[in-house]
Amino acid sequence: MLHILPTFFAAFSASLVEFIEALTVVLAVGAVRGWRGAIGGSALALLVLLALVAALGPALTRIPLRLVHLGVGTLLLLFGMRWLRKAILRAAGVIPLRDEAAAYARQTEAMRRAGGGAAGWDALAVSTAFKITMVEGIEVVFIVIAIGASGAGLLVPASLGAAVALAVVVLLGVALHRPVAMIPENALKFGVGVLLCAFGTFWVGEGMSLAWPGGDVSLVLLVAGYLMCAFTAVWVCRRLRQVAPT
């Protein structure tokens, strides 16, 4: 029971980041090439992703739980470390923050250079929307399956978290018709990276038959530990930039 809320929040946050990035491109495609192709391509990709979840999720239940913990824990660690590394470097000013408005402008210009949209189904619009939704959605699928397969009954809250994130992003896209630039994507990636690293470490330990002190409560300590290390890394990177020769 203790895992349900963190599982939902981790899946929701990770999915929100990916869906926002996909929304930026889909909005640009719809604005220039037409909404029929943009929505159609995205809907087709979502159907493929749902089929992947339906096929892969139950299949993992046939694998011994210890191996599942070890495998998905490693997967979550890889995702979490990648996201956290980028978030730390952005927070420290080493690499620039992602600008959804600028990404929207670049994608819009690319769509315009490709020529005007067709009156019916626009192949370029459908393929572009399908591709970006698949690319971002594949990461969501793997995270949802990894989180959901790590314990009995966790696939439902993980899937629900992703579904709620998708609904939030779609509603914002319909309401605003522009990139959701007010959502602090780097802060989201920072927090999600910490959560995924904590979950991954916990389940790798479970897969190795490690007896965590305090049981599930150790998750809270792991989150706090990774958060402290991440903030320390941001501080160190900022100091190194200040002392580096120009």
C-alpha atoms as a PDB file:
ATOM      1  CA  MET A   1       0.000   0.000   0.000  1.00  0.00           C
ATOM      2  CA  LEU A   2       2.907   2.327   0.788  1.00  0.00           C
ATOM      3  CA  HIS A   3       4.151   2.024  -2.818  1.00  0.00           C
ATOM      4  CA  ILE A   4       0.899   3.074  -4.523  1.00  0.00           C
ATOM      5  CA  LEU A   5       1.154   6.869  -4.111  1.00  0.00           C
ATOM      6  CA  PRO A   6       4.899   7.111  -4.931  1.00  0.00           C
ATOM      7  CA  THR A   7       4.318   4.814  -7.925  1.00  0.00           C
ATOM      8  CA  PHE A   8       1.501   7.025  -9.217  1.00  0.00           C
ATOM      9  CA  PHE A   9       3.498  10.230  -8.670  1.00  0.00           C
ATOM     10  CA  ALA A  10       6.672   8.881 -10.287  1.00  0.00           C
ATOM     11  CA  ALA A  11       4.778   7.667 -13.373  1.00  0.00           C
ATOM     12  CA  PHE A  12       2.767  10.905 -13.559  1.00  0.00           C
ATOM     13  CA  SER A  13       5.821  13.172 -13.320  1.00  0.00           C
ATOM     14  CA  ALA A  14       7.910  11.211 -15.808  1.00  0.00           C
ATOM     15  CA  SER A  15       5.036  10.996 -18.270  1.00  0.00           C
ATOM     16  CA  LEU A  16       4.266  14.713 -17.903  1.00  0.00           C
ATOM     17  CA  VAL A  17       7.785  15.650 -19.002  1.00  0.00           C
ATOM     18  CA  GLU A  18       7.694  13.408 -22.074  1.00  0.00           C
ATOM     19  CA  PHE A  19       4.169  14.403 -23.106  1.00  0.00           C
ATOM     20  CA  ILE A  20       5.009  18.112 -22.865  1.00  0.00           C
ATOM     21  CA  GLU A  21       7.912  17.617 -25.284  1.00  0.00           C
ATOM     22  CA  ALA A  22       5.643  15.711 -27.676  1.00  0.00           C
ATOM     23  CA  LEU A  23       2.906  18.350 -27.368  1.00  0.00           C
ATOM     24  CA  THR A  24       5.284  21.085 -28.527  1.00  0.00           C
ATOM     25  CA  VAL A  25       5.862  19.328 -31.854  1.00  0.00           C
ATOM     26  CA  VAL A  26       2.238  18.228 -32.306  1.00  0.00           C
ATOM     27  CA  LEU A  27       1.002  21.805 -31.795  1.00  0.00           C
ATOM     28  CA  ALA A  28       3.506  23.086 -34.345  1.00  0.00           C
ATOM     29  CA  VAL A  29       2.408  20.442 -36.853  1.00  0.00           C
ATOM     30  CA  GLY A  30      -1.264  21.225 -36.274  1.00  0.00           C
ATOM     31  CA  ALA A  31      -0.806  24.982 -36.568  1.00  0.00           C
ATOM     32  CA  VAL A  32       0.990  24.768 -39.932  1.00  0.00           C
ATOM     33  CA  ARG A  33      -0.082  21.513 -41.605  1.00  0.00           C
ATOM     34  CA  GLY A  34      -3.574  21.090 -40.147  1.00  0.00           C
ATOM     35  CA  TRP A  35      -5.046  19.499 -37.032  1.00  0.00           C
ATOM     36  CA  ARG A  36      -6.481  16.441 -38.787  1.00  0.00           C
ATOM     37  CA  GLY A  37      -3.052  14.988 -39.579  1.00  0.00           C
ATOM     38  CA  ALA A  38      -1.501  16.070 -36.250  1.00  0.00           C
ATOM     39  CA  ILE A  39      -4.248  14.523 -34.134  1.00  0.00           C
ATOM     40  CA  GLY A  40      -4.500  11.454 -36.356  1.00  0.00           C
ATOM     41  CA  GLY A  41      -0.763  10.725 -36.159  1.00  0.00           C
ATOM     42  CA  SER A  42      -0.706  11.188 -32.387  1.00  0.00           C
ATOM     43  CA  ALA A  43      -3.797   9.010 -31.888  1.00  0.00           C
ATOM     44  CA  LEU A  44      -2.288   6.222 -33.986  1.00  0.00           C
ATOM     45  CA  ALA A  45       0.917   6.319 -31.940  1.00  0.00           C
ATOM     46  CA  LEU A  46      -1.062   6.202 -28.673  1.00  0.00           C
ATOM     47  CA  LEU A  47      -2.892   3.071 -29.864  1.00  0.00           C
ATOM     48  CA  VAL A  48       0.445   1.383 -30.618  1.00  0.00           C
ATOM     49  CA  LEU A  49       1.782   2.387 -27.189  1.00  0.00           C
ATOM     50  CA  LEU A  50      -1.325   1.045 -25.424  1.00  0.00           C
ATOM     51  CA  ALA A  51      -0.868  -2.255 -27.251  1.00  0.00           C
ATOM     52  CA  LEU A  52       2.748  -2.402 -26.012  1.00  0.00           C
ATOM     53  CA  VAL A  53       1.654  -1.867 -22.406  1.00  0.00           C
ATOM     54  CA  ALA A  54      -1.078  -4.509 -22.733  1.00  0.00           C
ATOM     55  CA  ALA A  55       1.363  -7.016 -24.259  1.00  0.00           C
ATOM     56  CA  LEU A  56       4.469  -6.428 -22.143  1.00  0.00           C
ATOM     57  CA  GLY A  57       2.914  -5.739 -18.740  1.00  0.00           C
ATOM     58  CA  PRO A  58       1.274  -9.159 -18.120  1.00  0.00           C
ATOM     59  CA  ALA A  59       4.263 -10.959 -19.667  1.00  0.00           C
ATOM     60  CA  LEU A  60       6.512  -9.681 -16.880  1.00  0.00           C
ATOM     61  CA  THR A  61       4.337 -11.396 -14.261  1.00  0.00           C
ATOM     62  CA  ARG A  62       5.622 -14.774 -15.506  1.00  0.00           C
ATOM     63  CA  ILE A  63       9.218 -13.861 -14.597  1.00  0.00           C
ATOM     64  CA  PRO A  64      10.418 -14.523 -11.013  1.00  0.00           C
ATOM     65  CA  LEU A  65       9.901 -11.379  -8.933  1.00  0.00           C
ATOM     66  CA  ARG A  66      13.548 -11.223  -7.876  1.00  0.00           C
ATOM     67  CA  LEU A  67      14.708 -11.040 -11.503  1.00  0.00           C
ATOM     68  CA  VAL A  68      12.014  -8.470 -12.282  1.00  0.00           C
ATOM     69  CA  HIS A  69      13.197  -6.270  -9.395  1.00  0.00           C
ATOM     70  CA  LEU A  70      16.795  -6.522 -10.569  1.00  0.00           C
ATOM     71  CA  GLY A  71      15.996  -5.854 -14.234  1.00  0.00           C
ATOM     72  CA  VAL A  72      13.526  -3.012 -13.830  1.00  0.00           C
ATOM     73  CA  GLY A  73      15.573  -1.477 -11.029  1.00  0.00           C
ATOM     74  CA  THR A  74      18.551  -1.275 -13.372  1.00  0.00           C
ATOM     75  CA  LEU A  75      16.335   0.195 -16.099  1.00  0.00           C
ATOM     76  CA  LEU A  76      14.944   2.858 -13.771  1.00  0.00           C
ATOM     77  CA  LEU A  77      18.442   3.713 -12.567  1.00  0.00           C
ATOM     78  CA  LEU A  78      19.581   4.254 -16.164  1.00  0.00           C
ATOM     79  CA  PHE A  79      16.606   6.480 -16.948  1.00  0.00           C
ATOM     80  CA  GLY A  80      16.895   8.357 -13.658  1.00  0.00           C
ATOM     81  CA  MET A  81      20.649   8.956 -13.896  1.00  0.00           C
ATOM     82  CA  ARG A  82      20.329  10.237 -17.466  1.00  0.00           C
ATOM     83  CA  TRP A  83      17.536  12.666 -16.568  1.00  0.00           C
ATOM     84  CA  LEU A  84      19.212  13.749 -13.326  1.00  0.00           C
ATOM     85  CA  ARG A  85      22.550  14.383 -15.048  1.00  0.00           C
ATOM     86  CA  LYS A  86      20.926  16.695 -17.590  1.00  0.00           C
ATOM     87  CA  ALA A  87      18.861  18.449 -14.921  1.00  0.00           C
ATOM     88  CA  ILE A  88      21.952  19.045 -12.759  1.00  0.00           C
ATOM     89  CA  LEU A  89      23.955  20.462 -15.680  1.00  0.00           C
ATOM     90  CA  ARG A  90      21.053  22.728 -16.661  1.00  0.00           C
ATOM     91  CA  ALA A  91      20.499  23.907 -13.093  1.00  0.00           C
ATOM     92  CA  ALA A  92      24.221  24.699 -12.810  1.00  0.00           C
ATOM     93  CA  GLY A  93      24.203  26.605 -16.108  1.00  0.00           C
ATOM     94  CA  VAL A  94      26.604  24.205 -17.838  1.00  0.00           C
ATOM     95  CA  ILE A  95      24.090  23.483 -20.608  1.00  0.00           C
ATOM     96  CA  PRO A  96      21.140  25.738 -21.542  1.00  0.00           C
ATOM     97  CA  LEU A  97      17.632  25.125 -20.264  1.00  0.00           C
ATOM     98  CA  ARG A  98      15.209  23.589 -22.739  1.00  0.00           C
ATOM     99  CA  ASP A  99      13.015  26.325 -24.212  1.00  0.00           C
ATOM    100  CA  GLU A 100       9.673  24.880 -25.342  1.00  0.00           C
ATOM    101  CA  ALA A 101       8.696  28.156 -27.036  1.00  0.00           C
ATOM    102  CA  ALA A 102      11.914  28.137 -29.093  1.00  0.00           C
ATOM    103  CA  ALA A 103      11.425  24.454 -29.942  1.00  0.00           C
ATOM    104  CA  TYR A 104       7.890  25.257 -31.083  1.00  0.00           C
ATOM    105  CA  ALA A 105       9.164  28.084 -33.297  1.00  0.00           C
ATOM    106  CA  ARG A 106      11.834  25.850 -34.868  1.00  0.00           C
ATOM    107  CA  GLN A 107       9.358  23.064 -35.579  1.00  0.00           C
ATOM    108  CA  THR A 108       6.816  25.514 -37.006  1.00  0.00           C
ATOM    109  CA  GLU A 109       9.410  26.980 -39.371  1.00  0.00           C
ATOM    110  CA  ALA A 110      10.442  23.486 -40.485  1.00  0.00           C
ATOM    111  CA  MET A 111       6.827  22.606 -41.255  1.00  0.00           C
ATOM    112  CA  ARG A 112       6.382  25.815 -43.258  1.00  0.00           C
ATOM    113  CA  ARG A 113       9.525  25.174 -45.308  1.00  0.00           C
ATOM    114  CA  ALA A 114       8.147  21.739 -46.213  1.00  0.00           C
ATOM    115  CA  GLY A 115       5.211  23.365 -48.014  1.00  0.00           C
ATOM    116  CA  GLY A 116       1.541  23.921 -47.268  1.00  0.00           C
ATOM    117  CA  GLY A 117      -0.612  21.233 -45.695  1.00  0.00           C
ATOM    118  CA  ALA A 118      -2.864  19.095 -47.834  1.00  0.00           C
ATOM    119  CA  ALA A 119      -6.640  19.483 -47.745  1.00  0.00           C
ATOM    120  CA  GLY A 120      -7.181  15.887 -46.621  1.00  0.00           C
ATOM    121  CA  TRP A 121      -4.769  13.597 -44.839  1.00  0.00           C
ATOM    122  CA  ASP A 122      -1.323  15.195 -44.875  1.00  0.00           C
ATOM    123  CA  ALA A 123       1.306  12.434 -44.868  1.00  0.00           C
ATOM    124  CA  LEU A 124       4.001  14.743 -43.440  1.00  0.00           C
ATOM    125  CA  ALA A 125       1.743  15.896 -40.596  1.00  0.00           C
ATOM    126  CA  VAL A 126       0.670  12.343 -39.741  1.00  0.00           C
ATOM    127  CA  SER A 127       4.207  10.932 -39.845  1.00  0.00           C
ATOM    128  CA  THR A 128       5.732  13.797 -37.838  1.00  0.00           C
ATOM    129  CA  ALA A 129       3.077  13.647 -35.106  1.00  0.00           C
ATOM    130  CA  PHE A 130       3.262   9.828 -35.046  1.00  0.00           C
ATOM    131  CA  LYS A 131       7.057   9.834 -34.766  1.00  0.00           C
ATOM    132  CA  ILE A 132       7.340  12.355 -31.913  1.00  0.00           C
ATOM    133  CA  THR A 133       4.508  10.720 -29.970  1.00  0.00           C
ATOM    134  CA  MET A 134       6.121   7.293 -30.397  1.00  0.00           C
ATOM    135  CA  VAL A 135       9.619   8.511 -29.457  1.00  0.00           C
ATOM    136  CA  GLU A 136       8.464  10.248 -26.272  1.00  0.00           C
ATOM    137  CA  GLY A 137       5.815   7.621 -25.541  1.00  0.00           C
ATOM    138  CA  ILE A 138       8.221   4.676 -25.702  1.00  0.00           C
ATOM    139  CA  GLU A 139      10.084   6.095 -22.696  1.00  0.00           C
ATOM    140  CA  VAL A 140       6.769   6.469 -20.863  1.00  0.00           C
ATOM    141  CA  VAL A 141       5.846   2.858 -21.664  1.00  0.00           C
ATOM    142  CA  PHE A 142       9.131   1.471 -20.371  1.00  0.00           C
ATOM    143  CA  ILE A 143       8.955   3.554 -17.189  1.00  0.00           C
ATOM    144  CA  VAL A 144       5.321   2.593 -16.537  1.00  0.00           C
ATOM    145  CA  ILE A 145       6.008  -1.105 -17.122  1.00  0.00           C
ATOM    146  CA  ALA A 146       9.191  -0.989 -15.037  1.00  0.00           C
ATOM    147  CA  ILE A 147       7.461   0.719 -12.119  1.00  0.00           C
ATOM    148  CA  GLY A 148       4.307  -1.363 -12.402  1.00  0.00           C
ATOM    149  CA  ALA A 149       6.104  -4.703 -12.648  1.00  0.00           C
ATOM    150  CA  SER A 150       8.047  -4.168  -9.448  1.00  0.00           C
ATOM    151  CA  GLY A 151       5.251  -5.161  -7.133  1.00  0.00           C
ATOM    152  CA  ALA A 152       1.839  -6.792  -7.079  1.00  0.00           C
ATOM    153  CA  GLY A 153      -0.878  -4.401  -8.228  1.00  0.00           C
ATOM    154  CA  LEU A 154       1.481  -1.516  -9.080  1.00  0.00           C
ATOM    155  CA  LEU A 155       0.860  -1.587 -12.849  1.00  0.00           C
ATOM    156  CA  VAL A 156      -2.572  -0.007 -12.303  1.00  0.00           C
ATOM    157  CA  PRO A 157      -1.406   3.095 -10.357  1.00  0.00           C
ATOM    158  CA  ALA A 158       1.594   3.467 -12.704  1.00  0.00           C
ATOM    159  CA  SER A 159      -0.660   3.337 -15.772  1.00  0.00           C
ATOM    160  CA  LEU A 160      -3.143   5.675 -14.096  1.00  0.00           C
ATOM    161  CA  GLY A 161      -0.361   8.176 -13.397  1.00  0.00           C
ATOM    162  CA  ALA A 162       0.668   8.172 -17.060  1.00  0.00           C
ATOM    163  CA  ALA A 163      -2.965   8.472 -18.195  1.00  0.00           C
ATOM    164  CA  VAL A 164      -3.596  11.446 -15.900  1.00  0.00           C
ATOM    165  CA  ALA A 165      -0.422  13.133 -17.178  1.00  0.00           C
ATOM    166  CA  LEU A 166      -1.594  12.618 -20.767  1.00  0.00           C
ATOM    167  CA  ALA A 167      -5.016  14.061 -19.940  1.00  0.00           C
ATOM    168  CA  VAL A 168      -3.462  17.119 -18.262  1.00  0.00           C
ATOM    169  CA  VAL A 169      -1.179  17.833 -21.226  1.00  0.00           C
ATOM    170  CA  VAL A 170      -3.986  17.338 -23.780  1.00  0.00           C
ATOM    171  CA  LEU A 171      -6.286  19.694 -21.856  1.00  0.00           C
ATOM    172  CA  LEU A 172      -3.545  22.308 -21.608  1.00  0.00           C
ATOM    173  CA  GLY A 173      -2.800  21.961 -25.302  1.00  0.00           C
ATOM    174  CA  VAL A 174      -6.478  22.386 -26.226  1.00  0.00           C
ATOM    175  CA  ALA A 175      -6.849  25.378 -23.916  1.00  0.00           C
ATOM    176  CA  LEU A 176      -3.629  27.200 -24.812  1.00  0.00           C
ATOM    177  CA  HIS A 177      -2.824  26.162 -28.408  1.00  0.00           C
ATOM    178  CA  ARG A 178       0.816  26.917 -27.707  1.00  0.00           C
ATOM    179  CA  PRO A 179       3.777  25.292 -25.888  1.00  0.00           C
ATOM    180  CA  VAL A 180       3.210  24.732 -22.173  1.00  0.00           C
ATOM    181  CA  ALA A 181       6.176  26.970 -21.407  1.00  0.00           C
ATOM    182  CA  MET A 182       4.997  27.915 -17.928  1.00  0.00           C
ATOM    183  CA  ILE A 183       5.616  24.381 -16.633  1.00  0.00           C
ATOM    184  CA  PRO A 184       9.178  24.225 -15.224  1.00  0.00           C
ATOM    185  CA  GLU A 185      10.358  21.216 -17.232  1.00  0.00           C
ATOM    186  CA  ASN A 186      13.884  21.167 -15.773  1.00  0.00           C
ATOM    187  CA  ALA A 187      12.533  21.184 -12.208  1.00  0.00           C
ATOM    188  CA  LEU A 188      10.252  18.285 -13.180  1.00  0.00           C
ATOM    189  CA  LYS A 189      13.157  16.341 -14.680  1.00  0.00           C
ATOM    190  CA  PHE A 190      15.221  17.053 -11.571  1.00  0.00           C
ATOM    191  CA  GLY A 191      12.534  15.651  -9.278  1.00  0.00           C
ATOM    192  CA  VAL A 192      11.672  12.718 -11.539  1.00  0.00           C
ATOM    193  CA  GLY A 193      15.357  11.818 -11.902  1.00  0.00           C
ATOM    194  CA  VAL A 194      15.685  11.678  -8.113  1.00  0.00           C
ATOM    195  CA  LEU A 195      12.550   9.539  -7.785  1.00  0.00           C
ATOM    196  CA  LEU A 196      13.573   7.092 -10.510  1.00  0.00           C
ATOM    197  CA  CYS A 197      17.078   6.719  -9.070  1.00  0.00           C
ATOM    198  CA  ALA A 198      15.611   6.050  -5.617  1.00  0.00           C
ATOM    199  CA  PHE A 199      13.103   3.492  -6.933  1.00  0.00           C
ATOM    200  CA  GLY A 200      15.778   1.866  -9.093  1.00  0.00           C
ATOM    201  CA  THR A 201      18.248   1.571  -6.215  1.00  0.00           C
ATOM    202  CA  PHE A 202      15.581   0.148  -3.914  1.00  0.00           C
ATOM    203  CA  TRP A 203      14.479  -2.513  -6.388  1.00  0.00           C
ATOM    204  CA  VAL A 204      18.018  -3.466  -7.401  1.00  0.00           C
ATOM    205  CA  GLY A 205      18.627  -4.062  -3.702  1.00  0.00           C
ATOM    206  CA  GLU A 206      15.439  -6.120  -3.502  1.00  0.00           C
ATOM    207  CA  GLY A 207      16.586  -8.169  -6.493  1.00  0.00           C
ATOM    208  CA  MET A 208      19.904  -8.814  -4.743  1.00  0.00           C
ATOM    209  CA  SER A 209      18.008  -9.941  -1.588  1.00  0.00           C
ATOM    210  CA  LEU A 210      19.255  -6.924   0.351  1.00  0.00           C
ATOM    211  CA  ALA A 211      17.371  -6.346   3.600  1.00  0.00           C
ATOM    212  CA  TRP A 212      16.661  -2.615   3.574  1.00  0.00           C
ATOM    213  CA  PRO A 213      16.618  -1.115   7.089  1.00  0.00           C
ATOM    214  CA  GLY A 214      13.060  -0.084   7.852  1.00  0.00           C
ATOM    215  CA  GLY A 215      11.707  -1.877   4.782  1.00  0.00           C
ATOM    216  CA  ASP A 216       9.747   0.393   2.455  1.00  0.00           C
ATOM    217  CA  VAL A 217      10.572   3.431   4.606  1.00  0.00           C
ATOM    218  CA  SER A 218      14.075   3.233   3.121  1.00  0.00           C
ATOM    219  CA  LEU A 219      12.604   4.695  -0.075  1.00  0.00           C
ATOM    220  CA  VAL A 220      12.170   8.026   1.706  1.00  0.00           C
ATOM    221  CA  LEU A 221      15.801   7.965   2.841  1.00  0.00           C
ATOM    222  CA  LEU A 222      16.967   7.074  -0.671  1.00  0.00           C
ATOM    223  CA  VAL A 223      15.020  10.009  -2.143  1.00  0.00           C
ATOM    224  CA  ALA A 224      16.514  12.347   0.460  1.00  0.00           C
ATOM    225  CA  GLY A 225      20.016  10.987  -0.198  1.00  0.00           C
ATOM    226  CA  TYR A 226      19.785  11.372  -3.979  1.00  0.00           C
ATOM    227  CA  LEU A 227      18.281  14.844  -3.576  1.00  0.00           C
ATOM    228  CA  MET A 228      21.160  15.896  -1.335  1.00  0.00           C
ATOM    229  CA  CYS A 229      23.730  14.480  -3.765  1.00  0.00           C
ATOM    230  CA  ALA A 230      22.029  16.233  -6.699  1.00  0.00           C
ATOM    231  CA  PHE A 231      21.997  19.628  -4.965  1.00  0.00           C
ATOM    232  CA  THR A 232      25.632  19.118  -4.006  1.00  0.00           C
ATOM    233  CA  ALA A 233      26.486  18.299  -7.620  1.00  0.00           C
ATOM    234  CA  VAL A 234      24.755  21.510  -8.784  1.00  0.00           C
ATOM    235  CA  TRP A 235      26.779  23.536  -6.264  1.00  0.00           C
ATOM    236  CA  VAL A 236      30.055  21.881  -7.317  1.00  0.00           C
ATOM    237  CA  CYS A 237      29.349  22.446 -11.025  1.00  0.00           C
ATOM    238  CA  ARG A 238      28.572  26.111 -10.392  1.00  0.00           C
ATOM    239  CA  ARG A 239      31.782  26.556  -8.409  1.00  0.00           C
ATOM    240  CA  LEU A 240      33.807  24.871 -11.162  1.00  0.00           C
ATOM    241  CA  ARG A 241      32.290  27.212 -13.747  1.00  0.00           C
ATOM    242  CA  GLN A 242      33.196  30.237 -11.633  1.00  0.00           C
ATOM    243  CA  VAL A 243      36.834  29.233 -11.233  1.00  0.00           C
ATOM    244  CA  ALA A 244      37.281  27.925 -14.775  1.00  0.00           C
ATOM    245  CA  PRO A 245      39.440  30.174 -16.997  1.00  0.00           C
ATOM    246  CA  THR A 246      37.474  32.175 -19.571  1.00  0.00           C
END
